[in-house]
């Protein structure tokens, strides 16, 4: 399911997963203050068949950007014309012409 992680990286990730607010409660991450300082546009993608990065998880990750309202777009495999995307297949070479080169994405309307 991916590459082996160094022990310290794994332990840090586990501590985030076990926290209700994920990485946002980690006192060792001084860069977290930068989330609130961001004022640009943001679009986050949620893949409907991703068992880990679910819509609530994506919402939580976007919640740190308190000075903006990120646009969260959900993409289904059908939107991309594939049978599955999951957690790992977004960046698969086979999705180069469907998911990587999105011409236009309107909120709630998928890939087009």
C-alpha atoms as a PDB file:
ATOM      1  CA  UNK A   1       0.000   0.000   0.000  1.00  0.00           C
ATOM      2  CA  UNK A   2       2.819   2.437  -0.531  1.00  0.00           C
ATOM      3  CA  UNK A   3       6.323   3.054   0.682  1.00  0.00           C
ATOM      4  CA  UNK A   4       7.695   2.298   4.119  1.00  0.00           C
ATOM      5  CA  UNK A   5       7.869   5.401   6.283  1.00  0.00           C
ATOM      6  CA  UNK A   6      10.715   6.289   8.609  1.00  0.00           C
ATOM      7  CA  UNK A   7       9.749   5.508  12.213  1.00  0.00           C
ATOM      8  CA  UNK A   8       9.539   9.164  13.291  1.00  0.00           C
ATOM      9  CA  UNK A   9       7.345  10.091  10.330  1.00  0.00           C
ATOM     10  CA  UNK A  10       5.033   7.182  11.054  1.00  0.00           C
ATOM     11  CA  UNK A  11       4.798   8.107  14.736  1.00  0.00           C
ATOM     12  CA  UNK A  12       3.986  11.719  13.883  1.00  0.00           C
ATOM     13  CA  UNK A  13       1.284  10.630  11.424  1.00  0.00           C
ATOM     14  CA  UNK A  14      -0.217   8.249  14.005  1.00  0.00           C
ATOM     15  CA  UNK A  15      -0.377  11.071  16.567  1.00  0.00           C
ATOM     16  CA  UNK A  16      -2.265  13.212  14.016  1.00  0.00           C
ATOM     17  CA  UNK A  17      -4.663  10.396  13.141  1.00  0.00           C
ATOM     18  CA  UNK A  18      -5.440   9.861  16.811  1.00  0.00           C
ATOM     19  CA  UNK A  19      -6.224  13.560  17.333  1.00  0.00           C
ATOM     20  CA  UNK A  20      -9.743  14.870  16.738  1.00  0.00           C
ATOM     21  CA  UNK A  21      -8.334  17.871  14.822  1.00  0.00           C
ATOM     22  CA  UNK A  22      -5.636  15.873  12.985  1.00  0.00           C
ATOM     23  CA  UNK A  23      -2.419  17.900  12.587  1.00  0.00           C
ATOM     24  CA  UNK A  24      -3.988  21.152  13.787  1.00  0.00           C
ATOM     25  CA  UNK A  25      -3.289  20.311  17.432  1.00  0.00           C
ATOM     26  CA  UNK A  26       0.382  19.429  16.954  1.00  0.00           C
ATOM     27  CA  UNK A  27       2.405  21.995  18.949  1.00  0.00           C
ATOM     28  CA  UNK A  28       5.550  20.979  17.033  1.00  0.00           C
ATOM     29  CA  UNK A  29       4.207  22.463  13.773  1.00  0.00           C
ATOM     30  CA  UNK A  30       4.865  26.213  13.910  1.00  0.00           C
ATOM     31  CA  UNK A  31       3.880  26.481  10.237  1.00  0.00           C
ATOM     32  CA  UNK A  32       0.254  25.885  11.153  1.00  0.00           C
ATOM     33  CA  UNK A  33      -0.120  29.628  11.729  1.00  0.00           C
ATOM     34  CA  UNK A  34       0.344  30.071   7.977  1.00  0.00           C
ATOM     35  CA  UNK A  35      -2.972  28.357   7.211  1.00  0.00           C
ATOM     36  CA  UNK A  36      -4.927  31.311   8.605  1.00  0.00           C
ATOM     37  CA  UNK A  37      -2.746  33.788   6.685  1.00  0.00           C
ATOM     38  CA  UNK A  38      -3.610  32.348   3.273  1.00  0.00           C
ATOM     39  CA  UNK A  39      -5.935  34.617   1.274  1.00  0.00           C
ATOM     40  CA  UNK A  40      -5.888  33.104  -2.220  1.00  0.00           C
ATOM     41  CA  UNK A  41      -8.304  30.847  -4.001  1.00  0.00           C
ATOM     42  CA  UNK A  42      -8.315  27.172  -3.104  1.00  0.00           C
ATOM     43  CA  UNK A  43      -9.958  24.130  -4.611  1.00  0.00           C
ATOM     44  CA  UNK A  44      -9.647  20.805  -2.814  1.00  0.00           C
ATOM     45  CA  UNK A  45     -10.547  17.566  -4.536  1.00  0.00           C
ATOM     46  CA  UNK A  46     -12.436  14.793  -2.826  1.00  0.00           C
ATOM     47  CA  UNK A  47     -12.532  11.445  -4.599  1.00  0.00           C
ATOM     48  CA  UNK A  48     -15.840   9.787  -3.831  1.00  0.00           C
ATOM     49  CA  UNK A  49     -14.384   6.288  -3.601  1.00  0.00           C
ATOM     50  CA  UNK A  50     -11.368   7.179  -1.448  1.00  0.00           C
ATOM     51  CA  UNK A  51     -11.772   5.244   1.803  1.00  0.00           C
ATOM     52  CA  UNK A  52      -9.317   7.438   3.754  1.00  0.00           C
ATOM     53  CA  UNK A  53      -9.538  10.980   2.400  1.00  0.00           C
ATOM     54  CA  UNK A  54     -13.299  11.132   2.817  1.00  0.00           C
ATOM     55  CA  UNK A  55     -15.399  14.282   2.417  1.00  0.00           C
ATOM     56  CA  UNK A  56     -15.282  14.934   6.194  1.00  0.00           C
ATOM     57  CA  UNK A  57     -11.494  14.419   6.197  1.00  0.00           C
ATOM     58  CA  UNK A  58     -11.020  16.853   3.319  1.00  0.00           C
ATOM     59  CA  UNK A  59     -13.276  19.322   5.132  1.00  0.00           C
ATOM     60  CA  UNK A  60     -11.134  18.984   8.239  1.00  0.00           C
ATOM     61  CA  UNK A  61      -7.934  19.619   6.276  1.00  0.00           C
ATOM     62  CA  UNK A  62      -9.502  22.694   4.689  1.00  0.00           C
ATOM     63  CA  UNK A  63     -10.785  23.969   8.039  1.00  0.00           C
ATOM     64  CA  UNK A  64      -7.367  25.352   8.926  1.00  0.00           C
ATOM     65  CA  UNK A  65      -7.740  27.942   6.162  1.00  0.00           C
ATOM     66  CA  UNK A  66      -9.859  30.222   8.315  1.00  0.00           C
ATOM     67  CA  UNK A  67      -9.496  33.390   6.219  1.00  0.00           C
ATOM     68  CA  UNK A  68     -11.046  31.843   3.104  1.00  0.00           C
ATOM     69  CA  UNK A  69     -13.730  29.360   2.167  1.00  0.00           C
ATOM     70  CA  UNK A  70     -12.102  26.589   0.132  1.00  0.00           C
ATOM     71  CA  UNK A  71     -14.093  25.112  -2.736  1.00  0.00           C
ATOM     72  CA  UNK A  72     -14.298  21.358  -2.175  1.00  0.00           C
ATOM     73  CA  UNK A  73     -15.127  19.459  -5.340  1.00  0.00           C
ATOM     74  CA  UNK A  74     -16.139  15.805  -5.222  1.00  0.00           C
ATOM     75  CA  UNK A  75     -15.111  13.702  -8.210  1.00  0.00           C
ATOM     76  CA  UNK A  76     -16.605  10.282  -8.843  1.00  0.00           C
ATOM     77  CA  UNK A  77     -15.045   7.574 -10.991  1.00  0.00           C
ATOM     78  CA  UNK A  78     -17.940   8.051 -13.432  1.00  0.00           C
ATOM     79  CA  UNK A  79     -17.014  11.745 -13.781  1.00  0.00           C
ATOM     80  CA  UNK A  80     -13.615  10.646 -15.041  1.00  0.00           C
ATOM     81  CA  UNK A  81     -14.870   7.682 -17.072  1.00  0.00           C
ATOM     82  CA  UNK A  82     -13.027   5.109 -14.966  1.00  0.00           C
ATOM     83  CA  UNK A  83     -14.164   2.268 -12.723  1.00  0.00           C
ATOM     84  CA  UNK A  84     -12.206   3.429  -9.679  1.00  0.00           C
ATOM     85  CA  UNK A  85      -9.921   6.163  -8.423  1.00  0.00           C
ATOM     86  CA  UNK A  86      -9.569   5.419  -4.728  1.00  0.00           C
ATOM     87  CA  UNK A  87      -6.765   6.844  -2.631  1.00  0.00           C
ATOM     88  CA  UNK A  88      -3.846   6.087  -4.931  1.00  0.00           C
ATOM     89  CA  UNK A  89      -5.040   6.166  -8.552  1.00  0.00           C
ATOM     90  CA  UNK A  90      -5.532   9.914  -9.024  1.00  0.00           C
ATOM     91  CA  UNK A  91      -1.903  10.255 -10.094  1.00  0.00           C
ATOM     92  CA  UNK A  92      -1.814   7.051 -12.146  1.00  0.00           C
ATOM     93  CA  UNK A  93      -0.564   7.605 -15.708  1.00  0.00           C
ATOM     94  CA  UNK A  94      -3.828   6.133 -16.976  1.00  0.00           C
ATOM     95  CA  UNK A  95      -5.659   9.156 -15.535  1.00  0.00           C
ATOM     96  CA  UNK A  96      -3.381  11.688 -17.205  1.00  0.00           C
ATOM     97  CA  UNK A  97      -5.996  12.747 -19.767  1.00  0.00           C
ATOM     98  CA  UNK A  98      -9.001  12.638 -17.448  1.00  0.00           C
ATOM     99  CA  UNK A  99      -8.056  13.773 -13.951  1.00  0.00           C
ATOM    100  CA  UNK A 100      -4.796  15.621 -14.560  1.00  0.00           C
ATOM    101  CA  UNK A 101      -5.956  17.827 -17.410  1.00  0.00           C
ATOM    102  CA  UNK A 102      -9.283  19.033 -16.203  1.00  0.00           C
ATOM    103  CA  UNK A 103     -10.404  21.816 -18.491  1.00  0.00           C
ATOM    104  CA  UNK A 104     -13.100  23.150 -16.225  1.00  0.00           C
ATOM    105  CA  UNK A 105     -14.449  22.194 -12.815  1.00  0.00           C
ATOM    106  CA  UNK A 106     -17.586  23.839 -11.478  1.00  0.00           C
ATOM    107  CA  UNK A 107     -18.539  23.264  -7.847  1.00  0.00           C
ATOM    108  CA  UNK A 108     -20.719  20.211  -7.504  1.00  0.00           C
ATOM    109  CA  UNK A 109     -20.684  19.436 -11.225  1.00  0.00           C
ATOM    110  CA  UNK A 110     -17.690  17.154 -11.436  1.00  0.00           C
ATOM    111  CA  UNK A 111     -15.116  16.994 -14.190  1.00  0.00           C
ATOM    112  CA  UNK A 112     -15.943  18.526 -17.526  1.00  0.00           C
END
